[in-house]
Amino acid sequence: MTDATQTPITIDPGRWAAALDALGDVEPVLAEVLANLNLRVYPGDARRGDRTAYVVIDLHGVSIGLRRRCFDLYLHLDTTDTEDRLIAFEINGGGETHHPTGPYPNLDQERNPR
C-alpha cells in the first residue's frame, strides 16, 4: 500500500479529455476509456524496497495498483465499488485463475448451477 502522508500525482478524466482534444481524431473506444480513467502515481521509497513508483489506475469501478519491489511485484485490486464476486486473472499466459472478492460460501454453485 502507500504511505498515507504521500500526495499522489493525479491525472483525472478532465486532463485526459484535454489531451484527447490536442490529439484530434482518435478511436471512439480510446476516447471513452480515457474519459473515465483516473491515474494516480505515488513516489516509490527505496528504503522500503520499492524499485518503482506505486501506480493506481481507476477504471470501470475498479482500482488497480502496481509497484515493483526488490523482492516481488505487488499488485492490488480493489473491487469494493462493484458487485463483482470473482476476479479472473492470468499470469504470463499460464491460464485463467479465479479468486473470490469475499467470503462467498456458495460461489461455486452460483457459477456452475446444476
PDB file of N, CA and C in Angstrom:
ATOM      1  N   MET A   1       0.829  -1.173   0.000  1.00  0.00           N
ATOM      2  CA  MET A   1       0.000   0.000   0.000  1.00  0.00           C
ATOM      3  C   MET A   1       0.876   1.239   0.000  1.00  0.00           C
ATOM      4  N   THR A   2       0.262   2.382   0.091  1.00  0.00           N
ATOM      5  CA  THR A   2       1.003   3.631   0.057  1.00  0.00           C
ATOM      6  C   THR A   2       1.057   4.242   1.441  1.00  0.00           C
ATOM      7  N   ASP A   3       2.013   5.107   1.624  1.00  0.00           N
ATOM      8  CA  ASP A   3       2.117   5.876   2.853  1.00  0.00           C
ATOM      9  C   ASP A   3       1.038   6.947   2.817  1.00  0.00           C
ATOM     10  N   ALA A   4       0.222   7.024   3.866  1.00  0.00           N
ATOM     11  CA  ALA A   4      -0.918   7.957   3.888  1.00  0.00           C
ATOM     12  C   ALA A   4      -0.479   9.412   3.785  1.00  0.00           C
ATOM     13  N   THR A   5       0.779   9.696   4.070  1.00  0.00           N
ATOM     14  CA  THR A   5       1.243  11.082   4.010  1.00  0.00           C
ATOM     15  C   THR A   5       1.665  11.481   2.604  1.00  0.00           C
ATOM     16  N   GLN A   6       1.781  10.528   1.706  1.00  0.00           N
ATOM     17  CA  GLN A   6       2.194  10.838   0.341  1.00  0.00           C
ATOM     18  C   GLN A   6       1.042  11.486  -0.431  1.00  0.00           C
ATOM     19  N   THR A   7       1.373  12.477  -1.219  1.00  0.00           N
ATOM     20  CA  THR A   7       0.399  13.103  -2.094  1.00  0.00           C
ATOM     21  C   THR A   7       0.627  12.564  -3.496  1.00  0.00           C
ATOM     22  N   PRO A   8      -0.398  11.978  -4.102  1.00  0.00           N
ATOM     23  CA  PRO A   8      -0.192  11.412  -5.435  1.00  0.00           C
ATOM     24  C   PRO A   8      -0.158  12.487  -6.507  1.00  0.00           C
ATOM     25  N   ILE A   9       0.495  12.168  -7.574  1.00  0.00           N
ATOM     26  CA  ILE A   9       0.401  12.950  -8.802  1.00  0.00           C
ATOM     27  C   ILE A   9      -0.797  12.351  -9.530  1.00  0.00           C
ATOM     28  N   THR A  10      -1.777  13.162  -9.885  1.00  0.00           N
ATOM     29  CA  THR A  10      -3.034  12.645 -10.421  1.00  0.00           C
ATOM     30  C   THR A  10      -3.318  13.210 -11.802  1.00  0.00           C
ATOM     31  N   ILE A  11      -3.796  12.318 -12.683  1.00  0.00           N
ATOM     32  CA  ILE A  11      -4.333  12.744 -13.977  1.00  0.00           C
ATOM     33  C   ILE A  11      -5.767  12.249 -13.998  1.00  0.00           C
ATOM     34  N   ASP A  12      -6.712  13.170 -13.903  1.00  0.00           N
ATOM     35  CA  ASP A  12      -8.124  12.799 -13.844  1.00  0.00           C
ATOM     36  C   ASP A  12      -8.734  12.850 -15.247  1.00  0.00           C
ATOM     37  N   PRO A  13      -9.987  12.397 -15.384  1.00  0.00           N
ATOM     38  CA  PRO A  13     -10.618  12.370 -16.709  1.00  0.00           C
ATOM     39  C   PRO A  13     -10.623  13.716 -17.427  1.00  0.00           C
ATOM     40  N   GLY A  14     -10.730  14.821 -16.695  1.00  0.00           N
ATOM     41  CA  GLY A  14     -10.712  16.132 -17.339  1.00  0.00           C
ATOM     42  C   GLY A  14      -9.395  16.412 -18.044  1.00  0.00           C
ATOM     43  N   ARG A  15      -8.293  16.000 -17.424  1.00  0.00           N
ATOM     44  CA  ARG A  15      -6.983  16.217 -18.060  1.00  0.00           C
ATOM     45  C   ARG A  15      -6.794  15.291 -19.253  1.00  0.00           C
ATOM     46  N   TRP A  16      -7.350  14.060 -19.168  1.00  0.00           N
ATOM     47  CA  TRP A  16      -7.285  13.164 -20.329  1.00  0.00           C
ATOM     48  C   TRP A  16      -8.075  13.773 -21.490  1.00  0.00           C
ATOM     49  N   ALA A  17      -9.226  14.378 -21.176  1.00  0.00           N
ATOM     50  CA  ALA A  17     -10.055  14.983 -22.225  1.00  0.00           C
ATOM     51  C   ALA A  17      -9.289  16.086 -22.945  1.00  0.00           C
ATOM     52  N   ALA A  18      -8.558  16.886 -22.179  1.00  0.00           N
ATOM     53  CA  ALA A  18      -7.753  17.945 -22.800  1.00  0.00           C
ATOM     54  C   ALA A  18      -6.671  17.347 -23.702  1.00  0.00           C
ATOM     55  N   ALA A  19      -6.068  16.245 -23.254  1.00  0.00           N
ATOM     56  CA  ALA A  19      -5.042  15.583 -24.078  1.00  0.00           C
ATOM     57  C   ALA A  19      -5.657  15.030 -25.356  1.00  0.00           C
ATOM     58  N   LEU A  20      -6.854  14.466 -25.252  1.00  0.00           N
ATOM     59  CA  LEU A  20      -7.541  13.952 -26.439  1.00  0.00           C
ATOM     60  C   LEU A  20      -7.855  15.064 -27.426  1.00  0.00           C
ATOM     61  N   ASP A  21      -8.300  16.201 -26.911  1.00  0.00           N
ATOM     62  CA  ASP A  21      -8.579  17.338 -27.789  1.00  0.00           C
ATOM     63  C   ASP A  21      -7.330  17.745 -28.555  1.00  0.00           C
ATOM     64  N   ALA A  22      -6.187  17.702 -27.887  1.00  0.00           N
ATOM     65  CA  ALA A  22      -4.931  18.074 -28.539  1.00  0.00           C
ATOM     66  C   ALA A  22      -4.538  17.074 -29.620  1.00  0.00           C
ATOM     67  N   LEU A  23      -4.932  15.811 -29.447  1.00  0.00           N
ATOM     68  CA  LEU A  23      -4.588  14.781 -30.435  1.00  0.00           C
ATOM     69  C   LEU A  23      -5.442  14.856 -31.690  1.00  0.00           C
ATOM     70  N   GLY A  24      -6.623  15.415 -31.578  1.00  0.00           N
ATOM     71  CA  GLY A  24      -7.522  15.446 -32.732  1.00  0.00           C
ATOM     72  C   GLY A  24      -8.350  14.176 -32.783  1.00  0.00           C
ATOM     73  N   ASP A  25      -8.511  13.609 -33.983  1.00  0.00           N
ATOM     74  CA  ASP A  25      -9.333  12.409 -34.147  1.00  0.00           C
ATOM     75  C   ASP A  25      -8.666  11.207 -33.483  1.00  0.00           C
ATOM     76  N   VAL A  26      -9.422  10.534 -32.625  1.00  0.00           N
ATOM     77  CA  VAL A  26      -8.964   9.292 -32.004  1.00  0.00           C
ATOM     78  C   VAL A  26     -10.101   8.274 -32.081  1.00  0.00           C
ATOM     79  N   GLU A  27      -9.758   7.018 -31.928  1.00  0.00           N
ATOM     80  CA  GLU A  27     -10.757   5.959 -31.937  1.00  0.00           C
ATOM     81  C   GLU A  27     -11.764   6.198 -30.817  1.00  0.00           C
ATOM     82  N   PRO A  28     -13.052   6.041 -31.078  1.00  0.00           N
ATOM     83  CA  PRO A  28     -14.075   6.274 -30.050  1.00  0.00           C
ATOM     84  C   PRO A  28     -13.860   5.450 -28.781  1.00  0.00           C
ATOM     85  N   VAL A  29     -13.426   4.199 -28.914  1.00  0.00           N
ATOM     86  CA  VAL A  29     -13.227   3.374 -27.720  1.00  0.00           C
ATOM     87  C   VAL A  29     -12.106   3.945 -26.849  1.00  0.00           C
ATOM     88  N   LEU A  30     -11.056   4.485 -27.468  1.00  0.00           N
ATOM     89  CA  LEU A  30      -9.971   5.108 -26.714  1.00  0.00           C
ATOM     90  C   LEU A  30     -10.476   6.359 -26.006  1.00  0.00           C
ATOM     91  N   ALA A  31     -11.259   7.153 -26.695  1.00  0.00           N
ATOM     92  CA  ALA A  31     -11.809   8.365 -26.084  1.00  0.00           C
ATOM     93  C   ALA A  31     -12.696   8.012 -24.892  1.00  0.00           C
ATOM     94  N   GLU A  32     -13.518   6.951 -25.023  1.00  0.00           N
ATOM     95  CA  GLU A  32     -14.405   6.536 -23.935  1.00  0.00           C
ATOM     96  C   GLU A  32     -13.605   6.083 -22.714  1.00  0.00           C
ATOM     97  N   VAL A  33     -12.570   5.288 -22.942  1.00  0.00           N
ATOM     98  CA  VAL A  33     -11.758   4.805 -21.824  1.00  0.00           C
ATOM     99  C   VAL A  33     -11.058   5.970 -21.130  1.00  0.00           C
ATOM    100  N   LEU A  34     -10.411   6.822 -21.882  1.00  0.00           N
ATOM    101  CA  LEU A  34      -9.684   7.928 -21.268  1.00  0.00           C
ATOM    102  C   LEU A  34     -10.609   8.923 -20.576  1.00  0.00           C
ATOM    103  N   ALA A  35     -11.853   9.047 -21.066  1.00  0.00           N
ATOM    104  CA  ALA A  35     -12.810   9.947 -20.423  1.00  0.00           C
ATOM    105  C   ALA A  35     -13.220   9.448 -19.045  1.00  0.00           C
ATOM    106  N   ASN A  36     -12.950   8.176 -18.763  1.00  0.00           N
ATOM    107  CA  ASN A  36     -13.331   7.587 -17.475  1.00  0.00           C
ATOM    108  C   ASN A  36     -12.145   7.108 -16.655  1.00  0.00           C
ATOM    109  N   LEU A  37     -10.942   7.376 -17.115  1.00  0.00           N
ATOM    110  CA  LEU A  37      -9.726   6.881 -16.464  1.00  0.00           C
ATOM    111  C   LEU A  37      -9.167   7.904 -15.488  1.00  0.00           C
ATOM    112  N   ASN A  38      -8.859   7.428 -14.295  1.00  0.00           N
ATOM    113  CA  ASN A  38      -8.165   8.248 -13.304  1.00  0.00           C
ATOM    114  C   ASN A  38      -6.830   7.561 -13.025  1.00  0.00           C
ATOM    115  N   LEU A  39      -5.749   8.297 -13.078  1.00  0.00           N
ATOM    116  CA  LEU A  39      -4.412   7.757 -12.864  1.00  0.00           C
ATOM    117  C   LEU A  39      -3.768   8.474 -11.691  1.00  0.00           C
ATOM    118  N   ARG A  40      -3.284   7.699 -10.720  1.00  0.00           N
ATOM    119  CA  ARG A  40      -2.582   8.263  -9.562  1.00  0.00           C
ATOM    120  C   ARG A  40      -1.203   7.629  -9.483  1.00  0.00           C
ATOM    121  N   VAL A  41      -0.200   8.444  -9.190  1.00  0.00           N
ATOM    122  CA  VAL A  41       1.172   7.953  -9.064  1.00  0.00           C
ATOM    123  C   VAL A  41       1.726   8.432  -7.736  1.00  0.00           C
ATOM    124  N   TYR A  42       2.187   7.474  -6.923  1.00  0.00           N
ATOM    125  CA  TYR A  42       2.805   7.772  -5.637  1.00  0.00           C
ATOM    126  C   TYR A  42       4.292   7.458  -5.755  1.00  0.00           C
ATOM    127  N   PRO A  43       5.174   8.363  -5.334  1.00  0.00           N
ATOM    128  CA  PRO A  43       6.609   8.090  -5.423  1.00  0.00           C
ATOM    129  C   PRO A  43       6.981   6.823  -4.661  1.00  0.00           C
ATOM    130  N   GLY A  44       7.925   6.082  -5.196  1.00  0.00           N
ATOM    131  CA  GLY A  44       8.426   4.900  -4.505  1.00  0.00           C
ATOM    132  C   GLY A  44       9.367   5.288  -3.382  1.00  0.00           C
ATOM    133  N   ASP A  45       9.654   4.331  -2.520  1.00  0.00           N
ATOM    134  CA  ASP A  45      10.549   4.545  -1.384  1.00  0.00           C
ATOM    135  C   ASP A  45      11.558   3.403  -1.359  1.00  0.00           C
ATOM    136  N   ALA A  46      12.760   3.672  -1.826  1.00  0.00           N
ATOM    137  CA  ALA A  46      13.798   2.641  -1.896  1.00  0.00           C
ATOM    138  C   ALA A  46      14.112   2.065  -0.522  1.00  0.00           C
ATOM    139  N   ARG A  47      13.936   2.854   0.537  1.00  0.00           N
ATOM    140  CA  ARG A  47      14.193   2.349   1.889  1.00  0.00           C
ATOM    141  C   ARG A  47      13.221   1.240   2.269  1.00  0.00           C
ATOM    142  N   ARG A  48      12.043   1.243   1.656  1.00  0.00           N
ATOM    143  CA  ARG A  48      11.045   0.195   1.910  1.00  0.00           C
ATOM    144  C   ARG A  48      11.115  -0.921   0.871  1.00  0.00           C
ATOM    145  N   GLY A  49      12.095  -0.857  -0.011  1.00  0.00           N
ATOM    146  CA  GLY A  49      12.256  -1.905  -1.016  1.00  0.00           C
ATOM    147  C   GLY A  49      11.585  -1.628  -2.342  1.00  0.00           C
ATOM    148  N   ASP A  50      11.045  -0.422  -2.529  1.00  0.00           N
ATOM    149  CA  ASP A  50      10.395  -0.093  -3.796  1.00  0.00           C
ATOM    150  C   ASP A  50      11.438   0.112  -4.889  1.00  0.00           C
ATOM    151  N   ARG A  51      11.177  -0.471  -6.056  1.00  0.00           N
ATOM    152  CA  ARG A  51      12.008  -0.226  -7.233  1.00  0.00           C
ATOM    153  C   ARG A  51      11.346   0.758  -8.185  1.00  0.00           C
ATOM    154  N   THR A  52      10.028   0.956  -8.015  1.00  0.00           N
ATOM    155  CA  THR A  52       9.288   1.870  -8.875  1.00  0.00           C
ATOM    156  C   THR A  52       8.278   2.660  -8.050  1.00  0.00           C
ATOM    157  N   ALA A  53       7.669   3.617  -8.686  1.00  0.00           N
ATOM    158  CA  ALA A  53       6.542   4.330  -8.084  1.00  0.00           C
ATOM    159  C   ALA A  53       5.361   3.370  -7.979  1.00  0.00           C
ATOM    160  N   TYR A  54       4.404   3.712  -7.124  1.00  0.00           N
ATOM    161  CA  TYR A  54       3.160   2.948  -6.996  1.00  0.00           C
ATOM    162  C   TYR A  54       2.141   3.628  -7.899  1.00  0.00           C
ATOM    163  N   VAL A  55       1.672   2.931  -8.909  1.00  0.00           N
ATOM    164  CA  VAL A  55       0.757   3.487  -9.903  1.00  0.00           C
ATOM    165  C   VAL A  55      -0.622   2.866  -9.689  1.00  0.00           C
ATOM    166  N   VAL A  56      -1.639   3.720  -9.583  1.00  0.00           N
ATOM    167  CA  VAL A  56      -3.014   3.258  -9.387  1.00  0.00           C
ATOM    168  C   VAL A  56      -3.859   3.744 -10.551  1.00  0.00           C
ATOM    169  N   ILE A  57      -4.571   2.817 -11.178  1.00  0.00           N
ATOM    170  CA  ILE A  57      -5.480   3.128 -12.274  1.00  0.00           C
ATOM    171  C   ILE A  57      -6.896   2.844 -11.783  1.00  0.00           C
ATOM    172  N   ASP A  58      -7.766   3.840 -11.894  1.00  0.00           N
ATOM    173  CA  ASP A  58      -9.181   3.670 -11.549  1.00  0.00           C
ATOM    174  C   ASP A  58      -9.972   3.662 -12.856  1.00  0.00           C
ATOM    175  N   LEU A  59     -10.666   2.554 -13.115  1.00  0.00           N
ATOM    176  CA  LEU A  59     -11.438   2.422 -14.355  1.00  0.00           C
ATOM    177  C   LEU A  59     -12.479   1.329 -14.166  1.00  0.00           C
ATOM    178  N   HIS A  60     -13.641   1.514 -14.722  1.00  0.00           N
ATOM    179  CA  HIS A  60     -14.730   0.540 -14.644  1.00  0.00           C
ATOM    180  C   HIS A  60     -15.118   0.212 -13.204  1.00  0.00           C
ATOM    181  N   GLY A  61     -14.949   1.159 -12.291  1.00  0.00           N
ATOM    182  CA  GLY A  61     -15.299   0.928 -10.898  1.00  0.00           C
ATOM    183  C   GLY A  61     -14.274   0.143 -10.111  1.00  0.00           C
ATOM    184  N   VAL A  62     -13.132  -0.126 -10.713  1.00  0.00           N
ATOM    185  CA  VAL A  62     -12.086  -0.931 -10.086  1.00  0.00           C
ATOM    186  C   VAL A  62     -10.807  -0.105  -9.984  1.00  0.00           C
ATOM    187  N   SER A  63     -10.099  -0.261  -8.868  1.00  0.00           N
ATOM    188  CA  SER A  63      -8.778   0.361  -8.712  1.00  0.00           C
ATOM    189  C   SER A  63      -7.730  -0.742  -8.804  1.00  0.00           C
ATOM    190  N   ILE A  64      -6.736  -0.503  -9.654  1.00  0.00           N
ATOM    191  CA  ILE A  64      -5.643  -1.458  -9.823  1.00  0.00           C
ATOM    192  C   ILE A  64      -4.355  -0.734  -9.473  1.00  0.00           C
ATOM    193  N   GLY A  65      -3.663  -1.224  -8.452  1.00  0.00           N
ATOM    194  CA  GLY A  65      -2.395  -0.639  -8.021  1.00  0.00           C
ATOM    195  C   GLY A  65      -1.249  -1.571  -8.349  1.00  0.00           C
ATOM    196  N   LEU A  66      -0.125  -0.999  -8.750  1.00  0.00           N
ATOM    197  CA  LEU A  66       1.023  -1.798  -9.171  1.00  0.00           C
ATOM    198  C   LEU A  66       2.312  -1.116  -8.758  1.00  0.00           C
ATOM    199  N   ARG A  67       3.216  -1.907  -8.203  1.00  0.00           N
ATOM    200  CA  ARG A  67       4.559  -1.408  -7.913  1.00  0.00           C
ATOM    201  C   ARG A  67       5.519  -2.581  -7.975  1.00  0.00           C
ATOM    202  N   ARG A  68       6.729  -2.296  -8.438  1.00  0.00           N
ATOM    203  CA  ARG A  68       7.786  -3.308  -8.430  1.00  0.00           C
ATOM    204  C   ARG A  68       8.625  -3.069  -7.189  1.00  0.00           C
ATOM    205  N   ARG A  69       8.868  -4.156  -6.466  1.00  0.00           N
ATOM    206  CA  ARG A  69       9.699  -4.081  -5.277  1.00  0.00           C
ATOM    207  C   ARG A  69      10.941  -4.932  -5.497  1.00  0.00           C
ATOM    208  N   CYS A  70      11.910  -4.808  -4.616  1.00  0.00           N
ATOM    209  CA  CYS A  70      13.163  -5.550  -4.772  1.00  0.00           C
ATOM    210  C   CYS A  70      12.943  -7.057  -4.833  1.00  0.00           C
ATOM    211  N   PHE A  71      11.948  -7.548  -4.106  1.00  0.00           N
ATOM    212  CA  PHE A  71      11.768  -8.987  -3.978  1.00  0.00           C
ATOM    213  C   PHE A  71      10.527  -9.533  -4.659  1.00  0.00           C
ATOM    214  N   ASP A  72       9.671  -8.651  -5.206  1.00  0.00           N
ATOM    215  CA  ASP A  72       8.464  -9.141  -5.865  1.00  0.00           C
ATOM    216  C   ASP A  72       7.777  -8.044  -6.667  1.00  0.00           C
ATOM    217  N   LEU A  73       6.669  -8.411  -7.275  1.00  0.00           N
ATOM    218  CA  LEU A  73       5.776  -7.483  -7.963  1.00  0.00           C
ATOM    219  C   LEU A  73       4.523  -7.403  -7.118  1.00  0.00           C
ATOM    220  N   TYR A  74       4.154  -6.205  -6.667  1.00  0.00           N
ATOM    221  CA  TYR A  74       2.973  -6.016  -5.843  1.00  0.00           C
ATOM    222  C   TYR A  74       1.823  -5.545  -6.718  1.00  0.00           C
ATOM    223  N   LEU A  75       0.703  -6.263  -6.661  1.00  0.00           N
ATOM    224  CA  LEU A  75      -0.482  -5.926  -7.427  1.00  0.00           C
ATOM    225  C   LEU A  75      -1.662  -5.888  -6.465  1.00  0.00           C
ATOM    226  N   HIS A  76      -2.395  -4.774  -6.472  1.00  0.00           N
ATOM    227  CA  HIS A  76      -3.542  -4.600  -5.577  1.00  0.00           C
ATOM    228  C   HIS A  76      -4.779  -4.327  -6.416  1.00  0.00           C
ATOM    229  N   LEU A  77      -5.845  -5.080  -6.159  1.00  0.00           N
ATOM    230  CA  LEU A  77      -7.118  -4.868  -6.840  1.00  0.00           C
ATOM    231  C   LEU A  77      -8.164  -4.503  -5.797  1.00  0.00           C
ATOM    232  N   ASP A  78      -8.892  -3.422  -6.036  1.00  0.00           N
ATOM    233  CA  ASP A  78      -9.958  -3.016  -5.134  1.00  0.00           C
ATOM    234  C   ASP A  78     -11.255  -2.986  -5.928  1.00  0.00           C
ATOM    235  N   THR A  79     -12.151  -3.906  -5.610  1.00  0.00           N
ATOM    236  CA  THR A  79     -13.431  -4.012  -6.311  1.00  0.00           C
ATOM    237  C   THR A  79     -14.601  -3.677  -5.395  1.00  0.00           C
ATOM    238  N   THR A  80     -14.349  -2.990  -4.278  1.00  0.00           N
ATOM    239  CA  THR A  80     -15.414  -2.734  -3.304  1.00  0.00           C
ATOM    240  C   THR A  80     -16.550  -1.886  -3.865  1.00  0.00           C
ATOM    241  N   ASP A  81     -16.316  -1.131  -4.918  1.00  0.00           N
ATOM    242  CA  ASP A  81     -17.378  -0.314  -5.515  1.00  0.00           C
ATOM    243  C   ASP A  81     -18.139  -1.052  -6.614  1.00  0.00           C
ATOM    244  N   THR A  82     -17.885  -2.353  -6.762  1.00  0.00           N
ATOM    245  CA  THR A  82     -18.566  -3.145  -7.791  1.00  0.00           C
ATOM    246  C   THR A  82     -19.341  -4.283  -7.132  1.00  0.00           C
ATOM    247  N   GLU A  83     -20.114  -4.969  -7.936  1.00  0.00           N
ATOM    248  CA  GLU A  83     -20.816  -6.158  -7.457  1.00  0.00           C
ATOM    249  C   GLU A  83     -20.048  -7.428  -7.802  1.00  0.00           C
ATOM    250  N   ASP A  84     -18.833  -7.282  -8.296  1.00  0.00           N
ATOM    251  CA  ASP A  84     -18.036  -8.444  -8.685  1.00  0.00           C
ATOM    252  C   ASP A  84     -17.802  -9.354  -7.489  1.00  0.00           C
ATOM    253  N   ARG A  85     -18.032 -10.631  -7.700  1.00  0.00           N
ATOM    254  CA  ARG A  85     -17.809 -11.614  -6.652  1.00  0.00           C
ATOM    255  C   ARG A  85     -16.609 -12.498  -6.965  1.00  0.00           C
ATOM    256  N   LEU A  86     -16.099 -12.392  -8.183  1.00  0.00           N
ATOM    257  CA  LEU A  86     -14.995 -13.244  -8.608  1.00  0.00           C
ATOM    258  C   LEU A  86     -14.085 -12.449  -9.536  1.00  0.00           C
ATOM    259  N   ILE A  87     -12.789 -12.571  -9.333  1.00  0.00           N
ATOM    260  CA  ILE A  87     -11.807 -11.942 -10.206  1.00  0.00           C
ATOM    261  C   ILE A  87     -11.117 -13.055 -10.988  1.00  0.00           C
ATOM    262  N   ALA A  88     -11.120 -12.950 -12.294  1.00  0.00           N
ATOM    263  CA  ALA A  88     -10.395 -13.891 -13.147  1.00  0.00           C
ATOM    264  C   ALA A  88      -9.147 -13.166 -13.640  1.00  0.00           C
ATOM    265  N   PHE A  89      -7.991 -13.776 -13.460  1.00  0.00           N
ATOM    266  CA  PHE A  89      -6.756 -13.154 -13.918  1.00  0.00           C
ATOM    267  C   PHE A  89      -5.821 -14.211 -14.470  1.00  0.00           C
ATOM    268  N   GLU A  90      -4.836 -13.739 -15.229  1.00  0.00           N
ATOM    269  CA  GLU A  90      -3.881 -14.640 -15.859  1.00  0.00           C
ATOM    270  C   GLU A  90      -2.492 -14.060 -15.686  1.00  0.00           C
ATOM    271  N   ILE A  91      -1.533 -14.922 -15.417  1.00  0.00           N
ATOM    272  CA  ILE A  91      -0.148 -14.503 -15.253  1.00  0.00           C
ATOM    273  C   ILE A  91       0.704 -15.198 -16.300  1.00  0.00           C
ATOM    274  N   ASN A  92       1.371 -14.408 -17.120  1.00  0.00           N
ATOM    275  CA  ASN A  92       2.325 -14.906 -18.111  1.00  0.00           C
ATOM    276  C   ASN A  92       1.774 -16.008 -19.013  1.00  0.00           C
ATOM    277  N   GLY A  93       0.508 -15.899 -19.402  1.00  0.00           N
ATOM    278  CA  GLY A  93      -0.079 -16.872 -20.321  1.00  0.00           C
ATOM    279  C   GLY A  93      -0.316 -18.241 -19.713  1.00  0.00           C
ATOM    280  N   GLY A  94      -0.335 -18.325 -18.388  1.00  0.00           N
ATOM    281  CA  GLY A  94      -0.480 -19.617 -17.718  1.00  0.00           C
ATOM    282  C   GLY A  94      -1.910 -20.073 -17.532  1.00  0.00           C
ATOM    283  N   GLY A  95      -2.861 -19.391 -18.134  1.00  0.00           N
ATOM    284  CA  GLY A  95      -4.255 -19.763 -17.983  1.00  0.00           C
ATOM    285  C   GLY A  95      -4.933 -18.941 -16.899  1.00  0.00           C
ATOM    286  N   GLU A  96      -6.239 -18.886 -16.988  1.00  0.00           N
ATOM    287  CA  GLU A  96      -7.023 -18.098 -16.034  1.00  0.00           C
ATOM    288  C   GLU A  96      -7.016 -18.727 -14.654  1.00  0.00           C
ATOM    289  N   THR A  97      -6.913 -17.859 -13.669  1.00  0.00           N
ATOM    290  CA  THR A  97      -7.061 -18.235 -12.271  1.00  0.00           C
ATOM    291  C   THR A  97      -8.174 -17.376 -11.708  1.00  0.00           C
ATOM    292  N   HIS A  98      -8.983 -17.947 -10.829  1.00  0.00           N
ATOM    293  CA  HIS A  98     -10.108 -17.218 -10.249  1.00  0.00           C
ATOM    294  C   HIS A  98      -9.892 -17.017  -8.766  1.00  0.00           C
ATOM    295  N   HIS A  99     -10.259 -15.829  -8.305  1.00  0.00           N
ATOM    296  CA  HIS A  99     -10.132 -15.505  -6.882  1.00  0.00           C
ATOM    297  C   HIS A  99     -11.405 -14.788  -6.449  1.00  0.00           C
ATOM    298  N   PRO A 100     -12.071 -15.273  -5.383  1.00  0.00           N
ATOM    299  CA  PRO A 100     -13.267 -14.583  -4.911  1.00  0.00           C
ATOM    300  C   PRO A 100     -12.919 -13.241  -4.287  1.00  0.00           C
ATOM    301  N   THR A 101     -13.857 -12.305  -4.363  1.00  0.00           N
ATOM    302  CA  THR A 101     -13.627 -10.981  -3.785  1.00  0.00           C
ATOM    303  C   THR A 101     -14.082 -10.910  -2.335  1.00  0.00           C
ATOM    304  N   GLY A 102     -14.612 -11.987  -1.836  1.00  0.00           N
ATOM    305  CA  GLY A 102     -15.050 -12.035  -0.445  1.00  0.00           C
ATOM    306  C   GLY A 102     -15.372 -13.461  -0.050  1.00  0.00           C
ATOM    307  N   PRO A 103     -15.838 -13.651   1.159  1.00  0.00           N
ATOM    308  CA  PRO A 103     -16.179 -14.999   1.618  1.00  0.00           C
ATOM    309  C   PRO A 103     -17.578 -15.396   1.141  1.00  0.00           C
ATOM    310  N   TYR A 104     -17.654 -15.990  -0.035  1.00  0.00           N
ATOM    311  CA  TYR A 104     -18.925 -16.400  -0.610  1.00  0.00           C
ATOM    312  C   TYR A 104     -18.980 -17.927  -0.621  1.00  0.00           C
ATOM    313  N   PRO A 105     -19.599 -18.540   0.396  1.00  0.00           N
ATOM    314  CA  PRO A 105     -19.575 -19.998   0.504  1.00  0.00           C
ATOM    315  C   PRO A 105     -20.268 -20.723  -0.639  1.00  0.00           C
ATOM    316  N   ASN A 106     -21.197 -20.089  -1.339  1.00  0.00           N
ATOM    317  CA  ASN A 106     -21.935 -20.750  -2.422  1.00  0.00           C
ATOM    318  C   ASN A 106     -21.471 -20.318  -3.804  1.00  0.00           C
ATOM    319  N   LEU A 107     -20.300 -19.732  -3.898  1.00  0.00           N
ATOM    320  CA  LEU A 107     -19.834 -19.181  -5.174  1.00  0.00           C
ATOM    321  C   LEU A 107     -19.722 -20.254  -6.254  1.00  0.00           C
ATOM    322  N   ASP A 108     -19.189 -21.417  -5.932  1.00  0.00           N
ATOM    323  CA  ASP A 108     -19.067 -22.472  -6.943  1.00  0.00           C
ATOM    324  C   ASP A 108     -20.430 -22.903  -7.461  1.00  0.00           C
ATOM    325  N   GLN A 109     -21.414 -22.989  -6.588  1.00  0.00           N
ATOM    326  CA  GLN A 109     -22.759 -23.367  -7.021  1.00  0.00           C
ATOM    327  C   GLN A 109     -23.380 -22.269  -7.887  1.00  0.00           C
ATOM    328  N   GLU A 110     -23.097 -21.008  -7.568  1.00  0.00           N
ATOM    329  CA  GLU A 110     -23.621 -19.905  -8.373  1.00  0.00           C
ATOM    330  C   GLU A 110     -23.008 -19.913  -9.760  1.00  0.00           C
ATOM    331  N   ARG A 111     -21.724 -20.245  -9.857  1.00  0.00           N
ATOM    332  CA  ARG A 111     -21.025 -20.261 -11.153  1.00  0.00           C
ATOM    333  C   ARG A 111     -21.420 -21.464 -11.980  1.00  0.00           C
ATOM    334  N   ASN A 112     -21.700 -22.582 -11.342  1.00  0.00           N
ATOM    335  CA  ASN A 112     -21.991 -23.831 -12.043  1.00  0.00           C
ATOM    336  C   ASN A 112     -23.313 -24.422 -11.563  1.00  0.00           C
ATOM    337  N   PRO A 113     -24.435 -23.757 -11.844  1.00  0.00           N
ATOM    338  CA  PRO A 113     -25.710 -24.300 -11.380  1.00  0.00           C
ATOM    339  C   PRO A 113     -26.017 -25.624 -12.080  1.00  0.00           C
ATOM    340  N   ARG A 114     -26.679 -26.509 -11.343  1.00  0.00           N
ATOM    341  CA  ARG A 114     -26.994 -27.817 -11.937  1.00  0.00           C
ATOM    342  C   ARG A 114     -28.438 -27.899 -12.287  1.00  0.00           C
TER     343      ARG A 114
END
